[in-house]
Amino acid sequence: MQRIYGEEQKRKTFNHRWTQINTDLKRKKISVFIRGCFDKFLCMNKSLILTTKNTKRKIILGFLISVVFVPFVVYIFFNRDISPEIDGMVYIPEGEFTMGSKGRLEHGYDGGDGRVGLEVGVDEIPSHTVRVKGFYIDRYEVTNAQYKIFMDATGREAPVDSVAPDALYNWRDSNYPEGEDKHPVVNVTWYDADTYCRWKGKRLPTEEEWEKTCRGYEGRRWSFGNNFISHFVNTHELDLKWSQAVGSFPEDISPYGVYDMSGNVSEWTESWYNPYPGSSLKRDTFGENNKVIRGGAWLTDNLTARCARRNFAIPEKKHRTLGFRCAKD
């Protein structure tokens, strides 16, 4: 009995000690766990503080950027006629536009729906979608002063009206009329215009490029909008009887910021005069004999001043209402 009791007592003692040891180990684990959690909390707290500081920095930086950037984006969006400019040229972005007119009615029709007079717009139909690659185009028509520099550098002859060589508006002794340095140069042939543009490292615009520049993303009828306003543009209606300095009519501006496309002087293009795709119109003047002329002039009326209006002439043609501007890829 005593032995059994002794064995039992040893077992109880062992179990008691094991319980104590186990409890101590658990306590240590709990202590370590609690301390670890506390340390983690401190680390997490520090991380939160650091994160909060970084967040504040990001918020402040974002606010400063928005103060500068957002107004700029808004300005560009609502003033899209302000396009990037390089050396007096405006960039016209790549994209599609509707070229030409929708139909025709009696001569002189001006109903505002895109249809034009029988004699005025038959070569403008049918309207069709054209995709144009991005390009640059002169903001203003080439001036007398600019052409004079070209003449002096190349020995090119002065532009003179062959029909009225003694007219007061002609150049004299290779000099343009006094006070007309900023007027668009006129009485130049297509070859003169082409040579000048190439000398400048440029080229003449195609008629597709010209019309897209004039109409813009809105598809305007005139460079300045869909309603003709006579004092906005130098055409026959204003009766000024001559060209004016380029940019003199601030309202005659295309959606891309290009001036004098509806008035002042008409302009040579690179393109040959041909019917539009899908047109059944037949003319002897179609083909590689005539170059397309675009834009209104001081001597022409409001229908001729439309962006879709097409005119044409042989490349040797000179006229006191005919000038040009250059383009570049």
Protein backbone atom coordinates (compact mmCIF):
# COMPACT_ATOMS: atom_id res chain seq x y z
CA MET A 1 0.00 0.00 0.00
CA GLN A 2 2.77 2.34 0.93
CA ARG A 3 4.54 1.55 -2.30
CA ILE A 4 1.42 2.11 -4.28
CA TYR A 5 0.78 5.32 -2.45
CA GLY A 6 4.37 6.36 -3.05
CA GLU A 7 4.06 5.67 -6.74
CA GLU A 8 0.77 7.51 -6.82
CA GLN A 9 2.30 10.48 -5.07
CA LYS A 10 5.20 10.57 -7.51
CA ARG A 11 2.76 10.46 -10.41
CA LYS A 12 0.74 13.32 -8.91
CA THR A 13 3.90 15.28 -8.27
CA PHE A 14 5.08 14.68 -11.84
CA ASN A 15 1.71 15.66 -13.24
CA HIS A 16 1.66 18.78 -11.10
CA ARG A 17 5.13 19.80 -12.18
CA TRP A 18 4.29 19.07 -15.84
CA THR A 19 1.18 21.19 -15.50
CA GLN A 20 3.27 24.01 -14.06
CA ILE A 21 5.87 23.68 -16.77
CA ASN A 22 3.20 23.52 -19.46
CA THR A 23 1.43 26.50 -17.93
CA ASP A 24 4.69 28.42 -17.75
CA LEU A 25 5.41 27.59 -21.37
CA LYS A 26 1.94 28.72 -22.37
CA ARG A 27 2.35 31.89 -20.37
CA LYS A 28 5.65 32.53 -22.06
CA LYS A 29 4.05 31.89 -25.43
CA ILE A 30 1.19 34.17 -24.54
CA SER A 31 3.65 36.73 -23.28
CA VAL A 32 5.71 36.44 -26.42
CA PHE A 33 2.53 36.51 -28.50
CA ILE A 34 1.23 39.58 -26.69
CA ARG A 35 4.58 41.30 -26.92
CA GLY A 36 4.81 40.34 -30.59
CA CYS A 37 1.34 41.67 -31.20
CA PHE A 38 2.20 44.85 -29.36
CA ASP A 39 5.39 45.21 -31.37
CA LYS A 40 3.43 44.57 -34.54
CA PHE A 41 0.88 47.15 -33.46
CA LEU A 42 3.66 49.66 -32.94
CA CYS A 43 5.09 48.80 -36.34
CA MET A 44 1.64 48.94 -37.86
CA ASN A 45 1.01 52.24 -36.13
CA LYS A 46 4.29 53.60 -37.46
CA SER A 47 3.36 52.27 -40.89
CA LEU A 48 0.00 53.97 -40.62
CA ILE A 49 1.70 57.21 -39.66
CA LEU A 50 4.13 56.89 -42.56
CA THR A 51 1.29 55.92 -44.90
CA THR A 52 -0.74 58.87 -43.70
CA LYS A 53 2.20 61.18 -44.33
CA ASN A 54 2.71 59.70 -47.81
CA THR A 55 -1.00 60.02 -48.49
CA LYS A 56 -0.90 63.66 -47.45
CA ARG A 57 2.04 64.24 -49.75
CA LYS A 58 0.20 62.54 -52.61
CA ILE A 59 -2.96 64.54 -51.94
CA ILE A 60 -1.02 67.81 -51.87
CA LEU A 61 0.89 66.89 -55.02
CA GLY A 62 -2.32 65.83 -56.75
CA PHE A 63 -3.99 69.07 -55.75
CA LEU A 64 -1.11 71.16 -57.10
CA ILE A 65 -1.13 69.21 -60.37
CA SER A 66 -4.90 69.59 -60.71
CA VAL A 67 -4.69 73.32 -60.09
CA VAL A 68 -2.31 73.69 -63.03
CA PHE A 69 -3.29 70.80 -65.33
CA VAL A 70 -7.10 70.72 -65.17
CA PRO A 71 -7.61 74.36 -66.19
CA PHE A 72 -5.16 73.78 -69.05
CA VAL A 73 -7.13 70.75 -70.29
CA VAL A 74 -10.41 72.65 -69.96
CA TYR A 75 -8.94 75.59 -71.87
CA ILE A 76 -7.70 73.37 -74.69
CA PHE A 77 -11.06 71.55 -74.85
CA PHE A 78 -13.08 74.72 -75.17
CA ASN A 79 -10.54 76.48 -77.38
CA ARG A 80 -9.66 73.73 -79.81
CA ASP A 81 -9.00 76.23 -82.56
CA ILE A 82 -5.68 76.88 -80.84
CA SER A 83 -3.50 74.18 -82.41
CA PRO A 84 0.24 73.63 -82.03
CA GLU A 85 2.23 76.02 -84.20
CA ILE A 86 5.67 75.58 -85.76
CA ASP A 87 7.26 78.39 -87.77
CA GLY A 88 3.91 80.06 -88.46
CA MET A 89 2.22 76.75 -89.30
CA VAL A 90 -0.71 75.11 -87.53
CA TYR A 91 -0.95 71.35 -87.04
CA ILE A 92 -4.12 69.72 -88.37
CA PRO A 93 -4.61 66.33 -86.69
CA GLU A 94 -5.31 63.12 -88.56
CA GLY A 95 -8.97 62.22 -88.91
CA GLU A 96 -12.07 61.91 -91.04
CA PHE A 97 -14.38 64.66 -92.23
CA THR A 98 -17.28 65.03 -94.65
CA MET A 99 -16.10 66.62 -97.87
CA GLY A 100 -18.33 68.27 -100.45
CA SER A 101 -22.03 69.19 -100.48
CA LYS A 102 -25.24 67.21 -100.06
CA GLY A 103 -27.15 68.20 -103.17
CA ARG A 104 -28.21 71.00 -105.47
CA LEU A 105 -31.17 73.26 -106.10
CA GLU A 106 -31.73 76.39 -108.15
CA HIS A 107 -28.89 78.85 -108.61
CA GLY A 108 -28.29 81.05 -105.61
CA TYR A 109 -30.03 78.74 -103.13
CA ASP A 110 -28.72 79.30 -99.63
CA GLY A 111 -30.98 77.35 -97.30
CA GLY A 112 -28.33 76.45 -94.78
CA ASP A 113 -28.72 72.68 -95.19
CA GLY A 114 -25.60 72.02 -97.23
CA ARG A 115 -27.32 72.12 -100.64
CA VAL A 116 -26.11 74.67 -103.15
CA GLY A 117 -27.06 76.24 -106.45
CA LEU A 118 -27.07 74.27 -109.70
CA GLU A 119 -24.29 76.26 -111.32
CA VAL A 120 -22.36 76.80 -108.12
CA GLY A 121 -21.97 73.39 -106.58
CA VAL A 122 -22.47 70.54 -109.01
CA ASP A 123 -18.82 69.53 -108.74
CA GLU A 124 -19.10 69.45 -104.94
CA ILE A 125 -21.41 66.44 -104.87
CA PRO A 126 -21.77 63.84 -103.65
CA SER A 127 -20.57 64.53 -100.15
CA HIS A 128 -18.24 61.79 -98.98
CA THR A 129 -16.07 60.84 -96.05
CA VAL A 130 -12.35 61.46 -96.40
CA ARG A 131 -9.59 60.54 -93.99
CA VAL A 132 -6.64 62.90 -93.95
CA LYS A 133 -3.28 62.26 -92.31
CA GLY A 134 -1.96 64.85 -89.89
CA PHE A 135 -0.16 67.79 -91.49
CA TYR A 136 0.90 71.40 -90.98
CA ILE A 137 -0.51 74.38 -92.85
CA ASP A 138 0.39 78.06 -92.86
CA ARG A 139 -1.70 80.08 -90.44
CA TYR A 140 -1.77 82.95 -92.96
CA GLU A 141 -1.55 83.30 -96.72
CA VAL A 142 1.93 83.97 -98.09
CA THR A 143 2.54 87.74 -98.06
CA ASN A 144 4.22 90.13 -100.47
CA ALA A 145 7.11 90.61 -98.04
CA GLN A 146 7.68 86.85 -97.77
CA TYR A 147 7.53 86.41 -101.53
CA LYS A 148 9.99 89.29 -101.98
CA ILE A 149 12.59 87.42 -99.90
CA PHE A 150 12.05 84.38 -102.14
CA MET A 151 12.48 86.50 -105.29
CA ASP A 152 15.70 88.08 -104.05
CA ALA A 153 17.13 84.67 -103.13
CA THR A 154 16.16 82.83 -106.32
CA GLY A 155 15.88 85.47 -109.02
CA ARG A 156 12.21 84.68 -109.58
CA GLU A 157 10.31 87.31 -111.57
CA ALA A 158 7.93 89.67 -109.81
CA PRO A 159 4.24 88.77 -109.99
CA VAL A 160 2.42 91.00 -112.46
CA ASP A 161 -1.14 90.94 -113.75
CA SER A 162 -0.67 89.95 -117.39
CA VAL A 163 -4.12 91.30 -118.29
CA ALA A 164 -3.44 94.73 -116.77
CA PRO A 165 0.35 95.09 -116.49
CA ASP A 166 0.12 98.84 -115.85
CA ALA A 167 -2.38 98.56 -112.99
CA LEU A 168 -1.44 100.37 -109.79
CA TYR A 169 -1.66 97.16 -107.77
CA ASN A 170 1.21 95.57 -109.71
CA TRP A 171 4.78 95.29 -108.47
CA ARG A 172 7.24 97.91 -109.74
CA ASP A 173 10.95 97.22 -110.18
CA SER A 174 10.63 93.98 -108.22
CA ASN A 175 8.97 95.78 -105.31
CA TYR A 176 5.43 95.30 -104.07
CA PRO A 177 3.06 98.30 -103.77
CA GLU A 178 3.88 100.60 -100.88
CA GLY A 179 2.23 99.67 -97.62
CA GLU A 180 1.21 96.20 -98.81
CA ASP A 181 3.99 94.16 -97.27
CA LYS A 182 1.49 92.10 -95.25
CA HIS A 183 -1.04 91.71 -98.05
CA PRO A 184 -1.21 88.26 -99.63
CA VAL A 185 0.87 87.94 -102.76
CA VAL A 186 -1.31 87.58 -105.89
CA ASN A 187 -0.84 87.21 -109.64
CA VAL A 188 1.29 84.11 -109.09
CA THR A 189 0.99 80.99 -111.23
CA TRP A 190 0.63 77.51 -109.74
CA TYR A 191 4.28 76.96 -110.65
CA ASP A 192 5.29 80.10 -108.75
CA ALA A 193 3.39 78.92 -105.69
CA ASP A 194 4.74 75.38 -105.91
CA THR A 195 8.33 76.60 -106.32
CA TYR A 196 8.03 78.96 -103.36
CA CYS A 197 6.68 76.23 -101.07
CA ARG A 198 9.42 73.80 -102.11
CA TRP A 199 12.03 76.50 -101.54
CA LYS A 200 10.68 76.77 -97.98
CA GLY A 201 10.85 72.99 -97.52
CA LYS A 202 7.08 72.74 -97.77
CA ARG A 203 4.44 72.00 -100.42
CA LEU A 204 1.01 73.16 -101.52
CA PRO A 205 -1.92 71.64 -99.59
CA THR A 206 -4.20 69.15 -101.30
CA GLU A 207 -7.82 70.22 -101.69
CA GLU A 208 -8.79 67.60 -99.08
CA GLU A 209 -6.37 69.12 -96.59
CA TRP A 210 -7.55 72.61 -97.44
CA GLU A 211 -11.25 71.79 -96.95
CA LYS A 212 -10.65 69.94 -93.70
CA THR A 213 -8.71 72.91 -92.35
CA CYS A 214 -11.53 75.26 -93.33
CA ARG A 215 -14.44 73.15 -92.05
CA GLY A 216 -12.79 71.70 -88.98
CA TYR A 217 -14.28 69.09 -86.67
CA GLU A 218 -17.64 70.92 -86.79
CA GLY A 219 -18.09 70.68 -90.56
CA ARG A 220 -18.62 74.42 -90.95
CA ARG A 221 -20.01 75.92 -94.16
CA TRP A 222 -17.71 78.94 -93.91
CA SER A 223 -14.50 79.06 -91.92
CA PHE A 224 -16.23 81.10 -89.20
CA GLY A 225 -19.53 79.18 -88.93
CA ASN A 226 -22.71 78.08 -90.66
CA ASN A 227 -24.26 81.52 -91.13
CA PHE A 228 -22.70 84.06 -93.44
CA ILE A 229 -21.93 87.41 -91.77
CA SER A 230 -20.61 89.92 -94.28
CA HIS A 231 -18.40 91.96 -91.94
CA PHE A 232 -16.63 88.81 -90.75
CA VAL A 233 -14.82 88.31 -94.04
CA ASN A 234 -13.31 90.20 -96.96
CA THR A 235 -15.64 89.25 -99.83
CA HIS A 236 -17.59 91.19 -102.46
CA GLU A 237 -20.39 91.89 -99.95
CA LEU A 238 -18.06 94.10 -97.91
CA ASP A 239 -17.02 96.00 -101.06
CA LEU A 240 -13.45 96.83 -99.99
CA LYS A 241 -12.34 96.35 -103.60
CA TRP A 242 -8.91 94.91 -102.70
CA SER A 243 -7.10 92.47 -100.44
CA GLN A 244 -6.24 93.40 -96.87
CA ALA A 245 -3.28 92.50 -94.65
CA VAL A 246 -3.45 88.84 -93.66
CA GLY A 247 -5.28 88.28 -90.39
CA SER A 248 -7.14 91.61 -90.63
CA PHE A 249 -10.43 89.80 -90.11
CA PRO A 250 -10.12 87.95 -86.78
CA GLU A 251 -13.54 86.33 -87.24
CA ASP A 252 -12.46 84.70 -90.51
CA ILE A 253 -10.72 81.89 -88.67
CA SER A 254 -11.16 78.15 -89.04
CA PRO A 255 -11.77 75.81 -86.07
CA TYR A 256 -8.03 75.05 -86.12
CA GLY A 257 -6.95 78.68 -85.99
CA VAL A 258 -6.15 79.29 -89.67
CA TYR A 259 -7.06 82.73 -91.06
CA ASP A 260 -8.61 84.09 -94.27
CA MET A 261 -9.90 80.84 -95.73
CA SER A 262 -13.30 82.26 -96.67
CA GLY A 263 -12.09 85.60 -97.94
CA ASN A 264 -9.26 87.95 -98.89
CA VAL A 265 -7.79 85.92 -101.78
CA SER A 266 -8.43 82.48 -103.25
CA GLU A 267 -5.66 79.88 -103.04
CA TRP A 268 -3.90 77.35 -105.23
CA THR A 269 -3.87 73.71 -104.10
CA GLU A 270 -1.75 70.73 -105.09
CA SER A 271 -4.72 68.79 -106.53
CA TRP A 272 -5.81 68.28 -110.12
CA TYR A 273 -9.44 69.09 -110.85
CA ASN A 274 -11.36 65.81 -110.96
CA PRO A 275 -14.92 64.63 -110.15
CA TYR A 276 -15.60 63.30 -106.67
CA PRO A 277 -16.00 59.55 -106.10
CA GLY A 278 -19.53 58.52 -107.08
CA SER A 279 -20.14 61.61 -109.22
CA SER A 280 -21.70 61.21 -112.67
CA LEU A 281 -20.67 64.72 -113.69
CA LYS A 282 -18.65 64.94 -116.90
CA ARG A 283 -16.62 67.99 -117.83
CA ASP A 284 -13.89 68.69 -120.35
CA THR A 285 -12.07 70.59 -117.62
CA PHE A 286 -11.62 67.44 -115.50
CA GLY A 287 -8.24 65.76 -115.60
CA GLU A 288 -4.63 66.80 -115.34
CA ASN A 289 -5.10 70.09 -117.10
CA ASN A 290 -6.49 72.25 -114.31
CA LYS A 291 -5.50 72.71 -110.69
CA VAL A 292 -8.09 73.13 -107.94
CA ILE A 293 -8.47 76.59 -106.41
CA ARG A 294 -10.08 77.01 -102.99
CA GLY A 295 -11.44 79.83 -100.86
CA GLY A 296 -13.28 83.08 -101.39
CA ALA A 297 -11.75 86.43 -102.29
CA TRP A 298 -12.43 90.15 -102.05
CA LEU A 299 -14.04 90.06 -105.50
CA THR A 300 -16.25 86.95 -105.02
CA ASP A 301 -19.56 86.45 -103.20
CA ASN A 302 -20.59 84.46 -100.13
CA LEU A 303 -21.38 81.23 -102.02
CA THR A 304 -17.89 81.19 -103.47
CA ALA A 305 -16.54 81.75 -99.97
CA ARG A 306 -17.90 78.42 -98.67
CA CYS A 307 -15.41 75.80 -97.49
CA ALA A 308 -16.79 73.23 -99.97
CA ARG A 309 -16.59 75.54 -102.98
CA ARG A 310 -14.32 74.34 -105.82
CA ASN A 311 -12.80 76.44 -108.56
CA PHE A 312 -10.09 75.59 -111.07
CA ALA A 313 -7.60 77.04 -113.53
CA ILE A 314 -4.69 76.01 -115.70
CA PRO A 315 -1.38 76.08 -113.77
CA GLU A 316 -0.17 79.08 -115.80
CA LYS A 317 -3.11 81.21 -114.67
CA LYS A 318 -2.50 84.52 -112.87
CA HIS A 319 -5.15 86.68 -111.23
CA ARG A 320 -5.34 89.58 -108.82
CA THR A 321 -7.58 87.51 -106.51
CA LEU A 322 -5.39 84.39 -106.49
CA GLY A 323 -2.65 83.63 -103.97
CA PHE A 324 -1.61 80.62 -101.88
CA ARG A 325 -0.40 79.19 -98.59
CA CYS A 326 1.89 76.22 -97.94
CA ALA A 327 1.55 72.91 -96.11
CA LYS A 328 3.99 70.39 -94.69
CA ASP A 329 3.93 66.73 -93.61
